[in-house]
Amino acid sequence: MANLEKYRECIRKIITEYAQLASSNNEIEAQTIFDLEQDHYQLIYIGWQNKRRVFGPVMHFDIKNGKIWIQWNGTEEDVGEQLVAMGVPKHDIVVGFHPPYVREYTDYAVS
């Protein structure tokens, strides 16, 4: 249970920091979504840019079976390494947007 709370806090911290970076653009809103019951966490952008609609996920994390699943990372940052720097062991991080046959060649968990 202690790991679960720590993992939730690490994810919220990463998403919140990125949301604050994006808030400088007045036309695009960064929205954080934290579902603590189902352990789904997202940062999405919503708004308008150059007369075009902007809507979509920037980051999506889940916590499943005691591991952090990085389901989407639309940034140039290695959020897996950010989690490791916060004390999350690599064997508790799954890069979910990679297919299972690719995950076995990463430093992170397969599932």
N, C-alpha and C. Protein backbone atom coordinates (compact mmCIF):
# COMPACT_ATOMS: atom_id res chain seq x y z
N MET A 1 0.82 -1.20 0.00
CA MET A 1 0.00 0.00 0.00
C MET A 1 0.86 1.27 0.00
N ALA A 2 2.02 1.18 0.66
CA ALA A 2 2.91 2.35 0.69
C ALA A 2 3.41 2.67 -0.71
N ASN A 3 3.76 1.61 -1.48
CA ASN A 3 4.20 1.84 -2.86
C ASN A 3 3.10 2.47 -3.70
N LEU A 4 1.87 2.02 -3.52
CA LEU A 4 0.75 2.56 -4.29
C LEU A 4 0.63 4.06 -4.08
N GLU A 5 0.66 4.50 -2.85
CA GLU A 5 0.55 5.94 -2.56
C GLU A 5 1.75 6.70 -3.12
N LYS A 6 2.94 6.12 -2.99
CA LYS A 6 4.14 6.76 -3.52
C LYS A 6 4.03 6.88 -5.04
N TYR A 7 3.58 5.83 -5.70
CA TYR A 7 3.47 5.84 -7.16
C TYR A 7 2.44 6.86 -7.62
N ARG A 8 1.33 6.93 -6.91
CA ARG A 8 0.31 7.94 -7.23
C ARG A 8 0.89 9.34 -7.14
N GLU A 9 1.62 9.59 -6.08
CA GLU A 9 2.20 10.92 -5.86
C GLU A 9 3.23 11.26 -6.94
N CYS A 10 4.06 10.30 -7.32
CA CYS A 10 5.05 10.53 -8.37
C CYS A 10 4.38 10.90 -9.69
N ILE A 11 3.34 10.16 -10.05
CA ILE A 11 2.63 10.42 -11.30
C ILE A 11 1.98 11.80 -11.25
N ARG A 12 1.31 12.11 -10.15
CA ARG A 12 0.65 13.42 -10.04
C ARG A 12 1.67 14.55 -10.14
N LYS A 13 2.83 14.36 -9.55
CA LYS A 13 3.87 15.39 -9.59
C LYS A 13 4.35 15.63 -11.03
N ILE A 14 4.62 14.56 -11.76
CA ILE A 14 5.07 14.71 -13.15
C ILE A 14 4.01 15.41 -13.99
N ILE A 15 2.77 14.94 -13.90
CA ILE A 15 1.70 15.52 -14.71
C ILE A 15 1.47 16.98 -14.35
N THR A 16 1.46 17.30 -13.07
CA THR A 16 1.23 18.67 -12.62
C THR A 16 2.33 19.60 -13.12
N GLU A 17 3.58 19.16 -13.07
CA GLU A 17 4.69 19.99 -13.55
C GLU A 17 4.54 20.29 -15.04
N TYR A 18 4.19 19.29 -15.83
CA TYR A 18 4.01 19.52 -17.27
C TYR A 18 2.80 20.42 -17.54
N ALA A 19 1.76 20.27 -16.76
CA ALA A 19 0.57 21.12 -16.93
C ALA A 19 0.92 22.58 -16.66
N GLN A 20 1.76 22.83 -15.67
CA GLN A 20 2.16 24.20 -15.36
C GLN A 20 3.02 24.79 -16.47
N LEU A 21 3.84 23.99 -17.10
CA LEU A 21 4.66 24.47 -18.22
C LEU A 21 3.77 24.88 -19.39
N ALA A 22 2.72 24.13 -19.62
CA ALA A 22 1.83 24.39 -20.76
C ALA A 22 0.88 25.55 -20.52
N SER A 23 0.71 25.95 -19.28
CA SER A 23 -0.30 26.96 -18.96
C SER A 23 0.07 28.36 -19.47
N SER A 24 1.26 28.53 -20.02
CA SER A 24 1.64 29.85 -20.54
C SER A 24 0.93 30.18 -21.85
N ASN A 25 0.37 29.19 -22.52
CA ASN A 25 -0.38 29.41 -23.75
C ASN A 25 -1.83 29.67 -23.40
N ASN A 26 -2.32 30.87 -23.71
CA ASN A 26 -3.68 31.25 -23.32
C ASN A 26 -4.76 30.57 -24.14
N GLU A 27 -4.43 30.10 -25.34
CA GLU A 27 -5.44 29.49 -26.20
C GLU A 27 -5.61 28.00 -25.95
N ILE A 28 -4.62 27.37 -25.35
CA ILE A 28 -4.69 25.93 -25.10
C ILE A 28 -4.63 25.70 -23.59
N GLU A 29 -5.61 24.97 -23.10
CA GLU A 29 -5.70 24.66 -21.67
C GLU A 29 -5.13 23.27 -21.41
N ALA A 30 -4.30 23.18 -20.40
CA ALA A 30 -3.79 21.89 -19.95
C ALA A 30 -4.69 21.40 -18.82
N GLN A 31 -5.32 20.26 -19.01
CA GLN A 31 -6.21 19.70 -18.00
C GLN A 31 -5.59 18.43 -17.43
N THR A 32 -5.59 18.35 -16.10
CA THR A 32 -5.12 17.15 -15.42
C THR A 32 -6.32 16.31 -15.01
N ILE A 33 -6.21 15.02 -15.20
CA ILE A 33 -7.27 14.09 -14.83
C ILE A 33 -6.65 13.03 -13.93
N PHE A 34 -7.10 12.99 -12.69
CA PHE A 34 -6.58 12.04 -11.71
C PHE A 34 -7.72 11.18 -11.19
N ASP A 35 -7.82 9.95 -11.65
CA ASP A 35 -8.83 9.00 -11.19
C ASP A 35 -8.18 8.09 -10.16
N LEU A 36 -8.32 8.46 -8.89
CA LEU A 36 -7.67 7.71 -7.82
C LEU A 36 -8.34 6.38 -7.52
N GLU A 37 -9.59 6.22 -7.91
CA GLU A 37 -10.28 4.95 -7.67
C GLU A 37 -9.84 3.88 -8.66
N GLN A 38 -9.70 4.25 -9.93
CA GLN A 38 -9.31 3.29 -10.96
C GLN A 38 -7.83 3.40 -11.33
N ASP A 39 -7.14 4.37 -10.74
CA ASP A 39 -5.72 4.62 -10.99
C ASP A 39 -5.39 4.89 -12.45
N HIS A 40 -6.11 5.85 -13.03
CA HIS A 40 -5.83 6.37 -14.36
C HIS A 40 -5.47 7.85 -14.21
N TYR A 41 -4.42 8.28 -14.89
CA TYR A 41 -3.92 9.65 -14.74
C TYR A 41 -3.57 10.19 -16.12
N GLN A 42 -4.08 11.39 -16.44
CA GLN A 42 -3.84 11.97 -17.76
C GLN A 42 -3.56 13.47 -17.68
N LEU A 43 -2.80 13.91 -18.65
CA LEU A 43 -2.68 15.33 -18.96
C LEU A 43 -3.17 15.46 -20.40
N ILE A 44 -4.17 16.32 -20.61
CA ILE A 44 -4.66 16.55 -21.97
C ILE A 44 -4.58 18.03 -22.29
N TYR A 45 -4.44 18.32 -23.57
CA TYR A 45 -4.51 19.69 -24.06
C TYR A 45 -5.84 19.86 -24.77
N ILE A 46 -6.46 21.02 -24.53
CA ILE A 46 -7.74 21.32 -25.17
C ILE A 46 -7.78 22.82 -25.47
N GLY A 47 -8.25 23.16 -26.66
CA GLY A 47 -8.34 24.58 -27.02
C GLY A 47 -8.22 24.77 -28.52
N TRP A 48 -7.70 25.95 -28.88
CA TRP A 48 -7.57 26.33 -30.29
C TRP A 48 -6.19 26.88 -30.53
N GLN A 49 -5.64 26.57 -31.71
CA GLN A 49 -4.35 27.12 -32.11
C GLN A 49 -4.40 27.37 -33.62
N ASN A 50 -4.20 28.62 -34.00
CA ASN A 50 -4.25 29.00 -35.42
C ASN A 50 -5.53 28.52 -36.09
N LYS A 51 -6.65 28.77 -35.45
CA LYS A 51 -7.98 28.42 -35.95
C LYS A 51 -8.20 26.91 -36.11
N ARG A 52 -7.38 26.12 -35.45
CA ARG A 52 -7.54 24.66 -35.48
C ARG A 52 -7.78 24.15 -34.08
N ARG A 53 -8.65 23.16 -33.97
CA ARG A 53 -8.98 22.55 -32.69
C ARG A 53 -7.83 21.69 -32.21
N VAL A 54 -7.51 21.85 -30.94
CA VAL A 54 -6.49 21.04 -30.28
C VAL A 54 -7.18 20.25 -29.18
N PHE A 55 -7.05 18.95 -29.23
CA PHE A 55 -7.59 18.10 -28.17
C PHE A 55 -6.86 16.77 -28.23
N GLY A 56 -6.29 16.40 -27.11
CA GLY A 56 -5.65 15.09 -27.08
C GLY A 56 -4.78 14.90 -25.87
N PRO A 57 -4.42 13.65 -25.64
CA PRO A 57 -3.58 13.33 -24.48
C PRO A 57 -2.13 13.72 -24.71
N VAL A 58 -1.51 14.20 -23.66
CA VAL A 58 -0.08 14.47 -23.67
C VAL A 58 0.63 13.36 -22.90
N MET A 59 0.01 12.95 -21.80
CA MET A 59 0.53 11.86 -20.98
C MET A 59 -0.63 11.04 -20.46
N HIS A 60 -0.40 9.74 -20.34
CA HIS A 60 -1.40 8.86 -19.73
C HIS A 60 -0.64 7.78 -18.97
N PHE A 61 -0.95 7.67 -17.69
CA PHE A 61 -0.37 6.64 -16.83
C PHE A 61 -1.50 5.84 -16.20
N ASP A 62 -1.25 4.56 -15.96
CA ASP A 62 -2.13 3.72 -15.16
C ASP A 62 -1.27 3.05 -14.10
N ILE A 63 -1.91 2.66 -13.01
CA ILE A 63 -1.26 1.77 -12.05
C ILE A 63 -2.06 0.48 -12.09
N LYS A 64 -1.38 -0.60 -12.51
CA LYS A 64 -2.02 -1.91 -12.62
C LYS A 64 -1.12 -2.95 -11.98
N ASN A 65 -1.70 -3.75 -11.12
CA ASN A 65 -0.96 -4.85 -10.48
C ASN A 65 0.33 -4.37 -9.83
N GLY A 66 0.26 -3.19 -9.20
CA GLY A 66 1.40 -2.66 -8.46
C GLY A 66 2.49 -2.03 -9.31
N LYS A 67 2.23 -1.87 -10.61
CA LYS A 67 3.22 -1.28 -11.50
C LYS A 67 2.66 -0.05 -12.19
N ILE A 68 3.55 0.88 -12.49
CA ILE A 68 3.16 2.07 -13.25
C ILE A 68 3.28 1.74 -14.73
N TRP A 69 2.17 1.91 -15.43
CA TRP A 69 2.14 1.71 -16.88
C TRP A 69 2.16 3.08 -17.55
N ILE A 70 3.18 3.36 -18.35
CA ILE A 70 3.22 4.58 -19.15
C ILE A 70 2.48 4.24 -20.44
N GLN A 71 1.22 4.66 -20.52
CA GLN A 71 0.39 4.31 -21.68
C GLN A 71 0.63 5.25 -22.86
N TRP A 72 1.01 6.47 -22.55
CA TRP A 72 1.31 7.44 -23.61
C TRP A 72 2.22 8.51 -23.05
N ASN A 73 3.21 8.90 -23.84
CA ASN A 73 4.08 10.01 -23.49
C ASN A 73 4.29 10.84 -24.76
N GLY A 74 3.57 11.93 -24.86
CA GLY A 74 3.67 12.80 -26.01
C GLY A 74 4.68 13.91 -25.83
N THR A 75 5.57 13.77 -24.88
CA THR A 75 6.63 14.76 -24.65
C THR A 75 7.95 14.21 -25.16
N GLU A 76 8.95 15.04 -25.15
CA GLU A 76 10.29 14.60 -25.53
C GLU A 76 11.08 14.11 -24.33
N GLU A 77 10.48 14.17 -23.16
CA GLU A 77 11.16 13.77 -21.93
C GLU A 77 10.99 12.27 -21.69
N ASP A 78 11.97 11.68 -21.03
CA ASP A 78 11.89 10.27 -20.65
C ASP A 78 11.24 10.19 -19.27
N VAL A 79 9.92 10.06 -19.25
CA VAL A 79 9.21 10.06 -17.97
C VAL A 79 9.53 8.81 -17.17
N GLY A 80 9.94 7.74 -17.83
CA GLY A 80 10.38 6.55 -17.10
C GLY A 80 11.58 6.87 -16.24
N GLU A 81 12.54 7.59 -16.79
CA GLU A 81 13.72 7.97 -16.02
C GLU A 81 13.37 8.97 -14.93
N GLN A 82 12.38 9.82 -15.17
CA GLN A 82 11.93 10.73 -14.12
C GLN A 82 11.36 9.92 -12.95
N LEU A 83 10.60 8.88 -13.26
CA LEU A 83 10.05 8.03 -12.20
C LEU A 83 11.17 7.33 -11.43
N VAL A 84 12.17 6.84 -12.15
CA VAL A 84 13.30 6.18 -11.50
C VAL A 84 14.02 7.16 -10.57
N ALA A 85 14.20 8.40 -11.03
CA ALA A 85 14.86 9.42 -10.20
C ALA A 85 14.05 9.73 -8.94
N MET A 86 12.74 9.46 -8.99
CA MET A 86 11.88 9.68 -7.82
C MET A 86 11.84 8.45 -6.92
N GLY A 87 12.57 7.42 -7.27
CA GLY A 87 12.65 6.24 -6.41
C GLY A 87 11.82 5.05 -6.84
N VAL A 88 11.21 5.11 -8.02
CA VAL A 88 10.43 3.97 -8.52
C VAL A 88 11.40 3.00 -9.20
N PRO A 89 11.44 1.73 -8.77
CA PRO A 89 12.34 0.78 -9.43
C PRO A 89 11.90 0.49 -10.87
N LYS A 90 12.88 0.26 -11.74
CA LYS A 90 12.57 0.02 -13.15
C LYS A 90 11.67 -1.20 -13.33
N HIS A 91 11.79 -2.19 -12.45
CA HIS A 91 10.95 -3.38 -12.60
C HIS A 91 9.49 -3.12 -12.24
N ASP A 92 9.17 -1.92 -11.76
CA ASP A 92 7.79 -1.52 -11.48
C ASP A 92 7.26 -0.51 -12.51
N ILE A 93 7.96 -0.36 -13.62
CA ILE A 93 7.55 0.57 -14.68
C ILE A 93 7.40 -0.23 -15.98
N VAL A 94 6.25 -0.09 -16.62
CA VAL A 94 6.00 -0.74 -17.91
C VAL A 94 5.75 0.35 -18.95
N VAL A 95 6.47 0.29 -20.06
CA VAL A 95 6.24 1.23 -21.15
C VAL A 95 5.15 0.62 -22.03
N GLY A 96 3.91 0.92 -21.68
CA GLY A 96 2.75 0.28 -22.29
C GLY A 96 2.53 0.62 -23.74
N PHE A 97 3.10 1.74 -24.22
CA PHE A 97 2.89 2.08 -25.63
C PHE A 97 3.86 1.34 -26.55
N HIS A 98 4.79 0.57 -25.96
CA HIS A 98 5.62 -0.33 -26.76
C HIS A 98 4.95 -1.70 -26.78
N PRO A 99 4.99 -2.40 -27.91
CA PRO A 99 4.44 -3.76 -27.93
C PRO A 99 5.23 -4.68 -27.00
N PRO A 100 4.58 -5.73 -26.50
CA PRO A 100 5.27 -6.63 -25.55
C PRO A 100 6.60 -7.18 -26.08
N TYR A 101 6.69 -7.47 -27.36
CA TYR A 101 7.94 -8.03 -27.89
C TYR A 101 9.08 -7.01 -27.89
N VAL A 102 8.77 -5.72 -27.82
CA VAL A 102 9.80 -4.69 -27.74
C VAL A 102 10.19 -4.44 -26.28
N ARG A 103 9.22 -4.55 -25.38
CA ARG A 103 9.47 -4.25 -23.96
C ARG A 103 10.59 -5.09 -23.37
N GLU A 104 10.72 -6.32 -23.83
CA GLU A 104 11.74 -7.21 -23.26
C GLU A 104 13.16 -6.69 -23.52
N TYR A 105 13.31 -5.78 -24.46
CA TYR A 105 14.63 -5.22 -24.78
C TYR A 105 14.87 -3.87 -24.09
N THR A 106 13.94 -3.44 -23.26
CA THR A 106 14.12 -2.20 -22.50
C THR A 106 14.62 -2.54 -21.10
N ASP A 107 14.97 -1.52 -20.36
CA ASP A 107 15.40 -1.72 -18.97
C ASP A 107 14.22 -1.84 -18.02
N TYR A 108 13.01 -1.71 -18.56
CA TYR A 108 11.81 -1.68 -17.73
C TYR A 108 11.09 -3.03 -17.77
N ALA A 109 10.01 -3.13 -17.00
CA ALA A 109 9.24 -4.37 -16.92
C ALA A 109 8.52 -4.65 -18.24
N VAL A 110 8.24 -5.93 -18.49
CA VAL A 110 7.51 -6.33 -19.69
C VAL A 110 6.01 -6.18 -19.47
N SER A 111 5.56 -6.55 -18.28
CA SER A 111 4.14 -6.38 -17.92
C SER A 111 3.98 -6.46 -16.41
